[in-house]
Amino acid sequence: MSNPRDAVAGTPASLVEVWRGPLVESRHRGHLTAVTGEENTIASLGLPETVTYVRSSGKPFQAIPMIVSGAADRFGITEQEVAIACGSHSGETIHVDAVSFDARQNWAR
């Protein structure tokens, strides 16, 4: 990618259409690339060089090691707490209550 502005200006490919009866409710566009373990591109759509940020969509992937390592079980992490780790929120009372010290009886283990 010689000029980052070129990537931002790329036309996204049509990836998904969501239908509600006979009407298209939404269309989702994007850029993607599939690569092998040797970093060879085997498929692409749109302009794969587009610079983007994972932001909140990466949170479920960040939570996976907590679960597969056994840490969630070891520390008694509840499904509600895993959901909070996987999603975006604005610190509403329900979220704060779920992760507050008072709600975590098993932290002292």
Protein backbone atom coordinates (compact mmCIF):
# COMPACT_ATOMS: atom_id res chain seq x y z
CA MET A 1 0.00 0.00 0.00
CA SER A 2 1.87 3.06 -1.21
CA ASN A 3 -0.57 5.69 0.02
CA PRO A 4 -2.71 5.03 3.13
CA ARG A 5 -5.36 7.44 1.81
CA ASP A 6 -5.89 5.12 -1.17
CA ALA A 7 -6.84 2.30 1.22
CA VAL A 8 -9.33 4.46 3.10
CA ALA A 9 -10.93 5.49 -0.19
CA GLY A 10 -11.34 1.88 -1.39
CA THR A 11 -14.77 0.63 -2.32
CA PRO A 12 -15.99 -2.01 0.14
CA ALA A 13 -17.32 -5.26 -1.29
CA SER A 14 -20.90 -6.33 -0.64
CA LEU A 15 -20.59 -9.07 1.98
CA VAL A 16 -24.08 -9.67 3.40
CA GLU A 17 -27.68 -8.68 2.75
CA VAL A 18 -30.23 -9.16 5.51
CA TRP A 19 -33.75 -9.65 4.22
CA ARG A 20 -37.01 -9.09 6.07
CA GLY A 21 -39.64 -10.68 3.91
CA PRO A 22 -39.37 -9.18 0.41
CA LEU A 23 -37.27 -6.17 1.54
CA VAL A 24 -33.55 -5.79 2.08
CA GLU A 25 -33.32 -4.59 5.67
CA SER A 26 -29.59 -3.93 5.66
CA ARG A 27 -26.47 -4.38 3.58
CA HIS A 28 -23.07 -4.93 5.07
CA ARG A 29 -19.93 -4.12 3.15
CA GLY A 30 -16.30 -4.55 3.95
CA HIS A 31 -12.82 -5.57 2.97
CA LEU A 32 -11.31 -8.95 3.73
CA THR A 33 -8.39 -11.21 2.96
CA ALA A 34 -7.87 -14.91 3.64
CA VAL A 35 -4.26 -15.96 4.01
CA THR A 36 -2.40 -19.19 4.58
CA GLY A 37 -0.05 -19.79 7.48
CA GLU A 38 2.74 -18.83 5.08
CA GLU A 39 1.05 -15.44 4.51
CA ASN A 40 -0.02 -16.22 0.94
CA THR A 41 -3.29 -14.55 -0.05
CA ILE A 42 -5.80 -17.17 -1.19
CA ALA A 43 -8.91 -14.95 -1.44
CA SER A 44 -9.82 -11.30 -1.05
CA LEU A 45 -12.75 -8.93 -1.46
CA GLY A 46 -12.90 -5.15 -1.59
CA LEU A 47 -9.59 -3.44 -0.95
CA PRO A 48 -7.80 -5.67 1.58
CA GLU A 49 -5.11 -3.07 2.26
CA THR A 50 -7.70 -0.88 3.96
CA VAL A 51 -6.55 0.21 7.39
CA THR A 52 -9.12 -0.50 10.07
CA TYR A 53 -9.27 -0.93 13.82
CA VAL A 54 -10.71 -3.99 15.50
CA ARG A 55 -11.90 -2.07 18.55
CA SER A 56 -14.76 -3.76 20.39
CA SER A 57 -15.22 -6.53 17.84
CA GLY A 58 -12.00 -8.10 19.17
CA LYS A 59 -13.22 -8.39 22.76
CA PRO A 60 -14.64 -11.92 22.41
CA PHE A 61 -11.29 -13.07 21.02
CA GLN A 62 -9.50 -11.44 23.96
CA ALA A 63 -11.75 -13.34 26.37
CA ILE A 64 -11.06 -16.76 24.83
CA PRO A 65 -7.75 -17.36 26.68
CA MET A 66 -9.48 -16.65 30.00
CA ILE A 67 -11.94 -19.46 29.25
CA VAL A 68 -9.73 -22.07 27.56
CA SER A 69 -6.92 -21.67 30.09
CA GLY A 70 -9.29 -22.56 32.92
CA ALA A 71 -8.90 -19.15 34.57
CA ALA A 72 -12.64 -18.44 34.31
CA ASP A 73 -13.41 -21.66 36.18
CA ARG A 74 -10.55 -21.19 38.64
CA PHE A 75 -11.76 -17.74 39.65
CA GLY A 76 -15.47 -18.47 39.37
CA ILE A 77 -16.10 -16.08 36.50
CA THR A 78 -19.83 -16.12 35.79
CA GLU A 79 -21.47 -16.15 32.37
CA GLN A 80 -22.59 -12.57 33.02
CA GLU A 81 -18.99 -11.53 33.67
CA VAL A 82 -17.79 -13.30 30.52
CA ALA A 83 -20.51 -11.44 28.59
CA ILE A 84 -19.23 -8.14 30.00
CA ALA A 85 -15.67 -9.05 28.98
CA CYS A 86 -16.91 -9.80 25.45
CA GLY A 87 -19.04 -6.73 24.84
CA SER A 88 -19.14 -2.98 24.83
CA HIS A 89 -21.02 -1.16 27.50
CA SER A 90 -21.23 2.26 29.05
CA GLY A 91 -20.87 1.30 32.67
CA GLU A 92 -24.57 1.02 33.36
CA THR A 93 -25.54 -0.07 36.86
CA ILE A 94 -26.16 -3.67 35.77
CA HIS A 95 -22.60 -3.89 34.44
CA VAL A 96 -20.98 -2.19 37.42
CA ASP A 97 -22.92 -4.40 39.83
CA ALA A 98 -21.80 -7.53 37.99
CA VAL A 99 -18.11 -6.74 38.39
CA SER A 100 -18.10 -4.88 41.69
CA PHE A 101 -16.11 -6.25 44.63
CA ASP A 102 -19.30 -6.84 46.63
CA ALA A 103 -20.63 -9.08 43.86
CA ARG A 104 -17.43 -11.14 43.76
CA GLN A 105 -17.58 -13.36 46.87
CA ASN A 106 -14.94 -15.70 45.47
CA TRP A 107 -12.17 -13.18 44.75
CA ALA A 108 -10.38 -14.12 47.93
CA ARG A 109 -9.73 -17.71 46.80
